[in-house]
Amino acid sequence: MASMQFGNTLQRILQRLAYANPKFGPVHLLKFDLSDGYYRIRLSPEAALELAVIIPSEVQGRNYVGIPLSLPMGWNQSPPYFCAFTETAADLANQALHQHEVPIPPHTIEQTLQNPSNPPPPTPDQNITSRIFRPGNLLQDPLRFIDVYMDDFIAMAQKPWLQRTLHHTVTSILRVFRDETLPQDSAA
């Protein structure tokens, strides 16, 4: 249950945005949504058997047994179990962001996400940003942080951490939620 940090995600994001030092430029935000996230978590054989259900048949005395292979919706333990996975992915990404600054080759998914046909982000209006009251103690380093709310990963970064934040967000999600490691994952 401790992995379910409902109600705190927005506060953590807003707090980091407020303390981001504007000398490093605007904060870039990225949101990844794991569609059908519960179904991306495989169950152990023991857990699958605990969640088995009997399905009646039209033939008397011949019932079927349904055994889920992935985390089902509606089970009261699904949200904390799922959140433990998503929080682990966010923790791995944040840990990697604060380790050595070695060159990282881009993952195939990153290259797809950085399609040059996408329009550039809008430039912030100086009049709007000048009205925002900033706290006295700004971050000394550029912002780089990944947070999660259920199945929504929110990454935020300032230059020069944009590419690394994208990379570590993608690779950490894949490490936790994909069954197999592919050759392009070895660079992570």
N, C-alpha and C. Protein backbone atom coordinates (compact mmCIF):
# COMPACT_ATOMS: atom_id res chain seq x y z
N MET A 1 0.82 -1.20 0.00
CA MET A 1 0.00 0.00 0.00
C MET A 1 0.86 1.26 0.00
N ALA A 2 2.10 1.18 0.53
CA ALA A 2 2.97 2.36 0.59
C ALA A 2 3.36 2.86 -0.78
N SER A 3 3.29 1.99 -1.80
CA SER A 3 3.67 2.41 -3.15
C SER A 3 2.61 3.30 -3.78
N MET A 4 1.42 3.31 -3.23
CA MET A 4 0.34 4.12 -3.80
C MET A 4 0.42 5.53 -3.21
N GLN A 5 1.01 6.43 -3.96
CA GLN A 5 1.24 7.79 -3.48
C GLN A 5 0.21 8.74 -4.07
N PHE A 6 -1.05 8.34 -4.03
CA PHE A 6 -2.10 9.18 -4.60
C PHE A 6 -2.17 10.51 -3.88
N GLY A 7 -2.37 11.55 -4.64
CA GLY A 7 -2.53 12.87 -4.05
C GLY A 7 -1.24 13.64 -3.89
N ASN A 8 -0.10 12.99 -4.02
CA ASN A 8 1.18 13.67 -3.82
C ASN A 8 1.92 13.97 -5.12
N THR A 9 1.53 13.33 -6.21
CA THR A 9 2.26 13.49 -7.47
C THR A 9 2.20 14.93 -7.95
N LEU A 10 1.03 15.51 -8.01
CA LEU A 10 0.90 16.88 -8.50
C LEU A 10 1.69 17.85 -7.62
N GLN A 11 1.64 17.66 -6.33
CA GLN A 11 2.40 18.53 -5.42
C GLN A 11 3.90 18.41 -5.68
N ARG A 12 4.41 17.20 -5.88
CA ARG A 12 5.84 17.02 -6.14
C ARG A 12 6.24 17.68 -7.46
N ILE A 13 5.40 17.54 -8.48
CA ILE A 13 5.70 18.14 -9.78
C ILE A 13 5.69 19.65 -9.69
N LEU A 14 4.64 20.21 -9.10
CA LEU A 14 4.54 21.67 -8.98
C LEU A 14 5.68 22.25 -8.14
N GLN A 15 6.07 21.54 -7.10
CA GLN A 15 7.16 22.01 -6.26
C GLN A 15 8.47 22.05 -7.05
N ARG A 16 8.74 21.01 -7.82
CA ARG A 16 9.97 21.01 -8.62
C ARG A 16 9.93 22.08 -9.71
N LEU A 17 8.77 22.29 -10.31
CA LEU A 17 8.64 23.34 -11.32
C LEU A 17 8.87 24.72 -10.69
N ALA A 18 8.35 24.93 -9.49
CA ALA A 18 8.51 26.22 -8.83
C ALA A 18 9.97 26.49 -8.47
N TYR A 19 10.72 25.45 -8.13
CA TYR A 19 12.10 25.62 -7.70
C TYR A 19 13.10 25.49 -8.85
N ALA A 20 12.61 25.22 -10.07
CA ALA A 20 13.51 25.12 -11.22
C ALA A 20 14.15 26.48 -11.49
N ASN A 21 15.45 26.46 -11.71
CA ASN A 21 16.19 27.70 -11.92
C ASN A 21 16.02 28.14 -13.38
N PRO A 22 15.46 29.34 -13.61
CA PRO A 22 15.22 29.79 -14.99
C PRO A 22 16.48 30.04 -15.79
N LYS A 23 17.65 30.12 -15.14
CA LYS A 23 18.88 30.34 -15.90
C LYS A 23 19.22 29.15 -16.80
N PHE A 24 18.60 27.99 -16.54
CA PHE A 24 18.83 26.80 -17.37
C PHE A 24 17.78 26.67 -18.47
N GLY A 25 16.91 27.64 -18.60
CA GLY A 25 15.89 27.62 -19.63
C GLY A 25 14.59 27.03 -19.14
N PRO A 26 13.63 26.89 -20.05
CA PRO A 26 12.31 26.36 -19.65
C PRO A 26 12.40 24.89 -19.25
N VAL A 27 11.44 24.48 -18.44
CA VAL A 27 11.33 23.08 -18.05
C VAL A 27 10.50 22.38 -19.12
N HIS A 28 11.04 21.30 -19.63
CA HIS A 28 10.33 20.49 -20.63
C HIS A 28 9.66 19.33 -19.90
N LEU A 29 8.41 19.09 -20.24
CA LEU A 29 7.64 18.01 -19.62
C LEU A 29 7.31 16.94 -20.66
N LEU A 30 7.25 15.70 -20.20
CA LEU A 30 6.93 14.57 -21.04
C LEU A 30 6.03 13.65 -20.26
N LYS A 31 4.96 13.14 -20.89
CA LYS A 31 4.05 12.22 -20.22
C LYS A 31 3.95 10.93 -21.03
N PHE A 32 4.22 9.82 -20.37
CA PHE A 32 4.04 8.49 -20.94
C PHE A 32 2.85 7.84 -20.24
N ASP A 33 1.94 7.31 -21.00
CA ASP A 33 0.79 6.61 -20.44
C ASP A 33 0.89 5.14 -20.84
N LEU A 34 0.96 4.27 -19.85
CA LEU A 34 0.98 2.83 -20.14
C LEU A 34 -0.46 2.39 -20.34
N SER A 35 -0.89 2.31 -21.56
CA SER A 35 -2.27 1.88 -21.79
C SER A 35 -2.41 0.42 -21.38
N ASP A 36 -3.53 0.12 -20.77
CA ASP A 36 -3.79 -1.23 -20.26
C ASP A 36 -2.66 -1.70 -19.36
N GLY A 37 -2.20 -0.82 -18.50
CA GLY A 37 -1.04 -1.09 -17.66
C GLY A 37 -1.14 -2.33 -16.79
N TYR A 38 -2.31 -2.58 -16.21
CA TYR A 38 -2.46 -3.75 -15.34
C TYR A 38 -2.13 -5.03 -16.10
N TYR A 39 -2.54 -5.08 -17.36
CA TYR A 39 -2.35 -6.31 -18.13
C TYR A 39 -0.90 -6.50 -18.56
N ARG A 40 -0.04 -5.56 -18.26
CA ARG A 40 1.38 -5.68 -18.60
C ARG A 40 2.18 -6.36 -17.49
N ILE A 41 1.51 -6.69 -16.40
CA ILE A 41 2.20 -7.34 -15.27
C ILE A 41 1.81 -8.80 -15.23
N ARG A 42 2.80 -9.64 -15.42
CA ARG A 42 2.58 -11.09 -15.39
C ARG A 42 2.44 -11.55 -13.94
N LEU A 43 1.60 -12.55 -13.74
CA LEU A 43 1.42 -13.12 -12.41
C LEU A 43 2.28 -14.37 -12.25
N SER A 44 2.73 -14.60 -11.04
CA SER A 44 3.43 -15.85 -10.75
C SER A 44 2.40 -16.98 -10.82
N PRO A 45 2.86 -18.21 -11.02
CA PRO A 45 1.90 -19.33 -11.07
C PRO A 45 1.04 -19.44 -9.80
N GLU A 46 1.65 -19.17 -8.65
CA GLU A 46 0.90 -19.25 -7.39
C GLU A 46 -0.19 -18.19 -7.33
N ALA A 47 0.16 -16.96 -7.70
CA ALA A 47 -0.82 -15.87 -7.67
C ALA A 47 -1.92 -16.11 -8.70
N ALA A 48 -1.56 -16.63 -9.86
CA ALA A 48 -2.56 -16.90 -10.90
C ALA A 48 -3.58 -17.92 -10.40
N LEU A 49 -3.11 -18.94 -9.71
CA LEU A 49 -4.04 -19.95 -9.19
C LEU A 49 -4.95 -19.38 -8.11
N GLU A 50 -4.45 -18.46 -7.32
CA GLU A 50 -5.28 -17.83 -6.28
C GLU A 50 -6.41 -17.01 -6.89
N LEU A 51 -6.22 -16.51 -8.10
CA LEU A 51 -7.22 -15.67 -8.75
C LEU A 51 -8.06 -16.44 -9.76
N ALA A 52 -7.91 -17.75 -9.80
CA ALA A 52 -8.68 -18.58 -10.75
C ALA A 52 -10.17 -18.48 -10.44
N VAL A 53 -10.97 -18.54 -11.49
CA VAL A 53 -12.43 -18.50 -11.33
C VAL A 53 -13.04 -19.69 -12.07
N ILE A 54 -14.17 -20.13 -11.58
CA ILE A 54 -14.90 -21.22 -12.23
C ILE A 54 -15.91 -20.60 -13.18
N ILE A 55 -15.91 -21.11 -14.41
CA ILE A 55 -16.82 -20.62 -15.44
C ILE A 55 -17.81 -21.75 -15.74
N PRO A 56 -19.09 -21.50 -15.47
CA PRO A 56 -20.08 -22.56 -15.72
C PRO A 56 -20.18 -22.90 -17.20
N SER A 57 -20.50 -24.15 -17.45
CA SER A 57 -20.65 -24.64 -18.82
C SER A 57 -22.11 -24.99 -19.06
N GLU A 58 -22.49 -25.08 -20.31
CA GLU A 58 -23.85 -25.50 -20.64
C GLU A 58 -24.05 -26.99 -20.35
N VAL A 59 -22.94 -27.73 -20.30
CA VAL A 59 -22.99 -29.16 -20.01
C VAL A 59 -22.92 -29.35 -18.50
N GLN A 60 -23.91 -30.00 -17.93
CA GLN A 60 -23.97 -30.20 -16.49
C GLN A 60 -22.75 -30.98 -15.99
N GLY A 61 -22.12 -30.46 -14.92
CA GLY A 61 -20.97 -31.12 -14.31
C GLY A 61 -19.66 -30.90 -15.05
N ARG A 62 -19.68 -30.07 -16.06
CA ARG A 62 -18.45 -29.82 -16.82
C ARG A 62 -18.17 -28.32 -16.83
N ASN A 63 -17.56 -27.85 -15.78
CA ASN A 63 -17.23 -26.44 -15.66
C ASN A 63 -15.80 -26.19 -16.15
N TYR A 64 -15.54 -24.95 -16.49
CA TYR A 64 -14.21 -24.55 -16.91
C TYR A 64 -13.57 -23.73 -15.81
N VAL A 65 -12.24 -23.69 -15.81
CA VAL A 65 -11.51 -22.87 -14.85
C VAL A 65 -10.73 -21.82 -15.63
N GLY A 66 -10.98 -20.55 -15.30
CA GLY A 66 -10.24 -19.45 -15.93
C GLY A 66 -9.10 -19.02 -15.02
N ILE A 67 -7.89 -19.04 -15.56
CA ILE A 67 -6.70 -18.66 -14.78
C ILE A 67 -6.07 -17.44 -15.44
N PRO A 68 -6.07 -16.31 -14.75
CA PRO A 68 -5.47 -15.10 -15.36
C PRO A 68 -3.95 -15.22 -15.41
N LEU A 69 -3.38 -14.76 -16.50
CA LEU A 69 -1.93 -14.78 -16.64
C LEU A 69 -1.31 -13.42 -16.32
N SER A 70 -2.15 -12.38 -16.28
CA SER A 70 -1.66 -11.04 -15.95
C SER A 70 -2.58 -10.43 -14.89
N LEU A 71 -2.16 -9.34 -14.34
CA LEU A 71 -2.87 -8.68 -13.25
C LEU A 71 -4.26 -8.25 -13.70
N PRO A 72 -5.31 -8.71 -13.01
CA PRO A 72 -6.67 -8.36 -13.45
C PRO A 72 -7.15 -7.03 -12.87
N MET A 73 -8.06 -6.40 -13.58
CA MET A 73 -8.75 -5.24 -13.05
C MET A 73 -9.79 -5.75 -12.06
N GLY A 74 -10.07 -4.96 -11.04
CA GLY A 74 -11.12 -5.32 -10.11
C GLY A 74 -10.64 -6.08 -8.88
N TRP A 75 -9.48 -6.69 -8.92
CA TRP A 75 -8.95 -7.37 -7.74
C TRP A 75 -8.48 -6.28 -6.78
N ASN A 76 -8.83 -6.38 -5.50
CA ASN A 76 -8.53 -5.29 -4.57
C ASN A 76 -7.04 -5.06 -4.36
N GLN A 77 -6.19 -6.03 -4.71
CA GLN A 77 -4.74 -5.84 -4.56
C GLN A 77 -4.07 -5.36 -5.84
N SER A 78 -4.82 -5.22 -6.93
CA SER A 78 -4.22 -4.79 -8.19
C SER A 78 -3.60 -3.39 -8.12
N PRO A 79 -4.29 -2.37 -7.58
CA PRO A 79 -3.67 -1.04 -7.56
C PRO A 79 -2.34 -0.99 -6.81
N PRO A 80 -2.23 -1.51 -5.56
CA PRO A 80 -0.92 -1.42 -4.91
C PRO A 80 0.15 -2.27 -5.59
N TYR A 81 -0.24 -3.42 -6.12
CA TYR A 81 0.71 -4.28 -6.82
C TYR A 81 1.23 -3.58 -8.07
N PHE A 82 0.32 -2.98 -8.84
CA PHE A 82 0.69 -2.26 -10.05
C PHE A 82 1.55 -1.04 -9.72
N CYS A 83 1.17 -0.30 -8.70
CA CYS A 83 1.93 0.90 -8.33
C CYS A 83 3.34 0.57 -7.87
N ALA A 84 3.52 -0.60 -7.28
CA ALA A 84 4.88 -1.02 -6.90
C ALA A 84 5.75 -1.14 -8.15
N PHE A 85 5.18 -1.61 -9.24
CA PHE A 85 5.93 -1.72 -10.50
C PHE A 85 6.23 -0.35 -11.09
N THR A 86 5.22 0.52 -11.15
CA THR A 86 5.45 1.84 -11.77
C THR A 86 6.39 2.69 -10.92
N GLU A 87 6.26 2.62 -9.60
CA GLU A 87 7.17 3.37 -8.73
C GLU A 87 8.60 2.85 -8.88
N THR A 88 8.75 1.54 -9.07
CA THR A 88 10.08 0.98 -9.27
C THR A 88 10.69 1.52 -10.56
N ALA A 89 9.91 1.59 -11.63
CA ALA A 89 10.41 2.13 -12.90
C ALA A 89 10.83 3.59 -12.72
N ALA A 90 10.02 4.38 -12.03
CA ALA A 90 10.37 5.80 -11.80
C ALA A 90 11.63 5.91 -10.94
N ASP A 91 11.74 5.08 -9.92
CA ASP A 91 12.93 5.10 -9.06
C ASP A 91 14.19 4.74 -9.84
N LEU A 92 14.09 3.71 -10.70
CA LEU A 92 15.24 3.32 -11.52
C LEU A 92 15.66 4.46 -12.45
N ALA A 93 14.68 5.13 -13.05
CA ALA A 93 14.98 6.24 -13.96
C ALA A 93 15.66 7.39 -13.21
N ASN A 94 15.13 7.75 -12.04
CA ASN A 94 15.73 8.84 -11.26
C ASN A 94 17.13 8.47 -10.78
N GLN A 95 17.32 7.23 -10.39
CA GLN A 95 18.64 6.79 -9.95
C GLN A 95 19.64 6.87 -11.11
N ALA A 96 19.24 6.42 -12.29
CA ALA A 96 20.13 6.47 -13.45
C ALA A 96 20.44 7.91 -13.85
N LEU A 97 19.48 8.81 -13.69
CA LEU A 97 19.70 10.22 -14.04
C LEU A 97 20.78 10.87 -13.19
N HIS A 98 20.98 10.38 -11.99
CA HIS A 98 21.94 11.00 -11.08
C HIS A 98 23.24 10.21 -10.97
N GLN A 99 23.46 9.30 -11.92
CA GLN A 99 24.72 8.56 -11.94
C GLN A 99 25.65 9.17 -12.98
N HIS A 100 26.68 8.46 -13.34
CA HIS A 100 27.73 8.96 -14.23
C HIS A 100 27.17 9.49 -15.54
N GLU A 101 27.83 10.47 -16.07
CA GLU A 101 27.41 11.09 -17.33
C GLU A 101 28.17 10.48 -18.51
N VAL A 102 27.98 9.20 -18.74
CA VAL A 102 28.62 8.55 -19.88
C VAL A 102 27.71 8.71 -21.10
N PRO A 103 28.28 8.73 -22.31
CA PRO A 103 27.43 8.85 -23.50
C PRO A 103 26.46 7.68 -23.61
N ILE A 104 25.25 7.97 -23.99
CA ILE A 104 24.20 6.95 -24.09
C ILE A 104 23.68 6.93 -25.52
N PRO A 105 23.79 5.79 -26.20
CA PRO A 105 23.18 5.73 -27.54
C PRO A 105 21.67 5.72 -27.40
N PRO A 106 20.96 6.41 -28.29
CA PRO A 106 19.50 6.46 -28.17
C PRO A 106 18.87 5.09 -28.42
N HIS A 107 17.79 4.83 -27.70
CA HIS A 107 17.00 3.63 -27.89
C HIS A 107 16.13 3.83 -29.13
N THR A 108 15.74 2.74 -29.76
CA THR A 108 14.91 2.80 -30.96
C THR A 108 13.62 3.59 -30.70
N ILE A 109 13.02 3.42 -29.55
CA ILE A 109 11.79 4.14 -29.22
C ILE A 109 12.05 5.64 -29.13
N GLU A 110 13.21 6.04 -28.61
CA GLU A 110 13.53 7.47 -28.52
C GLU A 110 13.60 8.09 -29.91
N GLN A 111 14.18 7.37 -30.86
CA GLN A 111 14.29 7.90 -32.22
C GLN A 111 12.91 8.10 -32.83
N THR A 112 11.99 7.20 -32.52
CA THR A 112 10.62 7.33 -33.01
C THR A 112 9.93 8.53 -32.37
N LEU A 113 10.16 8.73 -31.07
CA LEU A 113 9.53 9.84 -30.36
C LEU A 113 10.03 11.20 -30.84
N GLN A 114 11.27 11.25 -31.30
CA GLN A 114 11.86 12.52 -31.70
C GLN A 114 11.72 12.73 -33.20
N ASN A 115 10.52 12.58 -33.68
CA ASN A 115 10.22 12.75 -35.09
C ASN A 115 10.39 14.22 -35.48
N PRO A 116 11.20 14.53 -36.49
CA PRO A 116 11.42 15.93 -36.86
C PRO A 116 10.17 16.61 -37.40
N SER A 117 9.14 15.86 -37.76
CA SER A 117 7.92 16.48 -38.27
C SER A 117 7.07 17.08 -37.16
N ASN A 118 7.39 16.76 -35.89
CA ASN A 118 6.66 17.35 -34.77
C ASN A 118 7.00 18.83 -34.68
N PRO A 119 6.02 19.70 -34.42
CA PRO A 119 6.31 21.13 -34.32
C PRO A 119 7.14 21.43 -33.07
N PRO A 120 7.98 22.47 -33.13
CA PRO A 120 8.77 22.81 -31.94
C PRO A 120 7.86 23.31 -30.82
N PRO A 121 8.29 23.15 -29.56
CA PRO A 121 7.45 23.63 -28.46
C PRO A 121 7.31 25.15 -28.51
N PRO A 122 6.20 25.68 -28.03
CA PRO A 122 6.02 27.14 -28.05
C PRO A 122 7.01 27.83 -27.11
N THR A 123 7.41 29.02 -27.48
CA THR A 123 8.30 29.82 -26.65
C THR A 123 7.48 30.47 -25.56
N PRO A 124 7.91 30.40 -24.30
CA PRO A 124 7.12 31.00 -23.23
C PRO A 124 7.02 32.52 -23.40
N ASP A 125 5.87 33.04 -23.08
CA ASP A 125 5.64 34.48 -23.15
C ASP A 125 6.30 35.13 -21.93
N GLN A 126 7.18 36.08 -22.16
CA GLN A 126 7.92 36.72 -21.06
C GLN A 126 6.98 37.42 -20.08
N ASN A 127 5.85 37.94 -20.55
CA ASN A 127 4.91 38.61 -19.65
C ASN A 127 4.29 37.64 -18.67
N ILE A 128 4.01 36.43 -19.13
CA ILE A 128 3.40 35.45 -18.25
C ILE A 128 4.42 34.95 -17.23
N THR A 129 5.61 34.60 -17.69
CA THR A 129 6.60 34.05 -16.75
C THR A 129 7.07 35.09 -15.75
N SER A 130 7.02 36.37 -16.09
CA SER A 130 7.50 37.38 -15.13
C SER A 130 6.51 37.57 -13.99
N ARG A 131 5.26 37.10 -14.13
CA ARG A 131 4.27 37.24 -13.07
C ARG A 131 4.34 36.10 -12.06
N ILE A 132 5.09 35.06 -12.37
CA ILE A 132 5.18 33.92 -11.47
C ILE A 132 6.15 34.26 -10.34
N PHE A 133 5.67 34.10 -9.11
CA PHE A 133 6.54 34.33 -7.95
C PHE A 133 7.38 33.09 -7.72
N ARG A 134 8.67 33.26 -7.73
CA ARG A 134 9.58 32.13 -7.51
C ARG A 134 10.07 32.15 -6.07
N PRO A 135 10.26 30.97 -5.49
CA PRO A 135 10.80 30.91 -4.13
C PRO A 135 12.24 31.42 -4.11
N GLY A 136 12.70 31.77 -2.94
CA GLY A 136 14.05 32.33 -2.80
C GLY A 136 15.16 31.34 -3.09
N ASN A 137 14.99 30.08 -2.77
CA ASN A 137 16.04 29.07 -2.94
C ASN A 137 15.78 28.23 -4.17
N LEU A 138 16.27 28.65 -5.32
CA LEU A 138 16.11 27.89 -6.55
C LEU A 138 17.12 26.75 -6.59
N LEU A 139 16.83 25.76 -7.40
CA LEU A 139 17.76 24.65 -7.59
C LEU A 139 19.06 25.18 -8.20
N GLN A 140 20.17 24.65 -7.75
CA GLN A 140 21.46 25.08 -8.27
C GLN A 140 21.82 24.38 -9.57
N ASP A 141 21.23 23.21 -9.81
CA ASP A 141 21.48 22.42 -11.01
C ASP A 141 20.22 22.40 -11.87
N PRO A 142 20.37 22.09 -13.16
CA PRO A 142 19.19 21.96 -14.01
C PRO A 142 18.27 20.85 -13.48
N LEU A 143 16.98 21.07 -13.62
CA LEU A 143 15.99 20.11 -13.15
C LEU A 143 16.02 18.85 -14.01
N ARG A 144 15.91 17.69 -13.36
CA ARG A 144 15.77 16.40 -14.02
C ARG A 144 15.09 15.47 -13.03
N PHE A 145 13.88 15.05 -13.35
CA PHE A 145 13.11 14.25 -12.42
C PHE A 145 12.00 13.52 -13.15
N ILE A 146 11.71 12.30 -12.71
CA ILE A 146 10.62 11.49 -13.25
C ILE A 146 9.71 11.10 -12.10
N ASP A 147 8.41 11.29 -12.29
CA ASP A 147 7.43 10.91 -11.28
C ASP A 147 6.37 10.06 -11.97
N VAL A 148 5.49 9.46 -11.20
CA VAL A 148 4.47 8.59 -11.77
C VAL A 148 3.20 8.70 -10.93
N TYR A 149 2.08 8.66 -11.63
CA TYR A 149 0.77 8.56 -10.99
C TYR A 149 0.05 7.40 -11.67
N MET A 150 -0.13 6.32 -10.95
CA MET A 150 -0.71 5.08 -11.47
C MET A 150 0.05 4.61 -12.72
N ASP A 151 -0.49 4.86 -13.92
CA ASP A 151 0.17 4.40 -15.15
C ASP A 151 0.68 5.57 -15.99
N ASP A 152 0.72 6.76 -15.43
CA ASP A 152 1.18 7.95 -16.15
C ASP A 152 2.54 8.40 -15.61
N PHE A 153 3.56 8.28 -16.45
CA PHE A 153 4.89 8.74 -16.09
C PHE A 153 5.05 10.18 -16.54
N ILE A 154 5.51 11.04 -15.66
CA ILE A 154 5.74 12.44 -15.98
C ILE A 154 7.22 12.73 -15.78
N ALA A 155 7.89 13.07 -16.87
CA ALA A 155 9.32 13.41 -16.80
C ALA A 155 9.45 14.91 -17.01
N MET A 156 10.36 15.52 -16.28
CA MET A 156 10.62 16.95 -16.42
C MET A 156 12.11 17.18 -16.41
N ALA A 157 12.58 18.08 -17.28
CA ALA A 157 14.01 18.33 -17.38
C ALA A 157 14.28 19.69 -18.01
N GLN A 158 15.44 20.20 -17.67
CA GLN A 158 15.96 21.40 -18.30
C GLN A 158 17.24 21.01 -19.03
N LYS A 159 17.66 21.84 -19.98
CA LYS A 159 18.90 21.58 -20.69
C LYS A 159 20.03 21.59 -19.68
N PRO A 160 20.98 20.72 -19.79
CA PRO A 160 21.32 19.76 -20.84
C PRO A 160 20.78 18.36 -20.58
N TRP A 161 19.78 18.19 -19.73
CA TRP A 161 19.31 16.88 -19.31
C TRP A 161 18.13 16.34 -20.11
N LEU A 162 17.73 17.00 -21.18
CA LEU A 162 16.54 16.57 -21.92
C LEU A 162 16.68 15.16 -22.48
N GLN A 163 17.76 14.92 -23.22
CA GLN A 163 17.95 13.62 -23.88
C GLN A 163 18.13 12.51 -22.84
N ARG A 164 18.90 12.75 -21.81
CA ARG A 164 19.14 11.72 -20.79
C ARG A 164 17.85 11.39 -20.03
N THR A 165 17.03 12.40 -19.76
CA THR A 165 15.78 12.15 -19.05
C THR A 165 14.85 11.31 -19.90
N LEU A 166 14.75 11.62 -21.18
CA LEU A 166 13.95 10.80 -22.10
C LEU A 166 14.48 9.38 -22.12
N HIS A 167 15.78 9.24 -22.29
CA HIS A 167 16.40 7.92 -22.38
C HIS A 167 16.12 7.08 -21.12
N HIS A 168 16.38 7.64 -19.96
CA HIS A 168 16.22 6.86 -18.73
C HIS A 168 14.75 6.58 -18.41
N THR A 169 13.86 7.45 -18.83
CA THR A 169 12.43 7.17 -18.64
C THR A 169 12.03 5.97 -19.50
N VAL A 170 12.38 6.00 -20.77
CA VAL A 170 12.02 4.91 -21.68
C VAL A 170 12.66 3.59 -21.24
N THR A 171 13.95 3.60 -20.99
CA THR A 171 14.63 2.34 -20.67
C THR A 171 14.18 1.77 -19.33
N SER A 172 13.87 2.61 -18.36
CA SER A 172 13.40 2.09 -17.07
C SER A 172 12.02 1.47 -17.18
N ILE A 173 11.14 2.09 -17.95
CA ILE A 173 9.81 1.51 -18.17
C ILE A 173 9.95 0.15 -18.86
N LEU A 174 10.81 0.08 -19.87
CA LEU A 174 11.00 -1.18 -20.59
C LEU A 174 11.63 -2.25 -19.69
N ARG A 175 12.55 -1.87 -18.83
CA ARG A 175 13.18 -2.84 -17.93
C ARG A 175 12.16 -3.48 -17.01
N VAL A 176 11.20 -2.71 -16.56
CA VAL A 176 10.23 -3.22 -15.59
C VAL A 176 9.06 -3.94 -16.26
N PHE A 177 8.61 -3.44 -17.40
CA PHE A 177 7.36 -3.95 -17.97
C PHE A 177 7.50 -4.87 -19.16
N ARG A 178 8.68 -5.04 -19.71
CA ARG A 178 8.79 -5.92 -20.87
C ARG A 178 9.34 -7.26 -20.44
N ASP A 179 8.80 -8.31 -21.02
CA ASP A 179 9.18 -9.68 -20.65
C ASP A 179 10.59 -10.05 -21.06
N GLU A 180 11.02 -9.54 -22.20
CA GLU A 180 12.32 -9.96 -22.72
C GLU A 180 13.19 -8.74 -23.00
N THR A 181 14.48 -8.94 -22.98
CA THR A 181 15.41 -7.87 -23.33
C THR A 181 15.76 -8.01 -24.79
N LEU A 182 15.66 -6.91 -25.50
CA LEU A 182 16.00 -6.91 -26.92
C LEU A 182 17.40 -6.35 -27.10
N PRO A 183 18.06 -6.60 -28.25
CA PRO A 183 19.45 -6.14 -28.45
C PRO A 183 19.61 -4.63 -28.26
N GLN A 184 18.63 -3.82 -28.66
CA GLN A 184 18.77 -2.38 -28.51
C GLN A 184 18.66 -1.93 -27.05
N ASP A 185 18.24 -2.82 -26.15
CA ASP A 185 18.15 -2.47 -24.73
C ASP A 185 19.49 -2.61 -24.02
N SER A 186 20.44 -3.27 -24.61
CA SER A 186 21.71 -3.54 -23.92
C SER A 186 22.48 -2.27 -23.63
N ALA A 187 22.24 -1.19 -24.36
CA ALA A 187 22.94 0.07 -24.12
C ALA A 187 22.44 0.78 -22.89
N ALA A 188 21.29 0.37 -22.36
CA ALA A 188 20.72 1.01 -21.17
C ALA A 188 21.53 0.61 -20.00
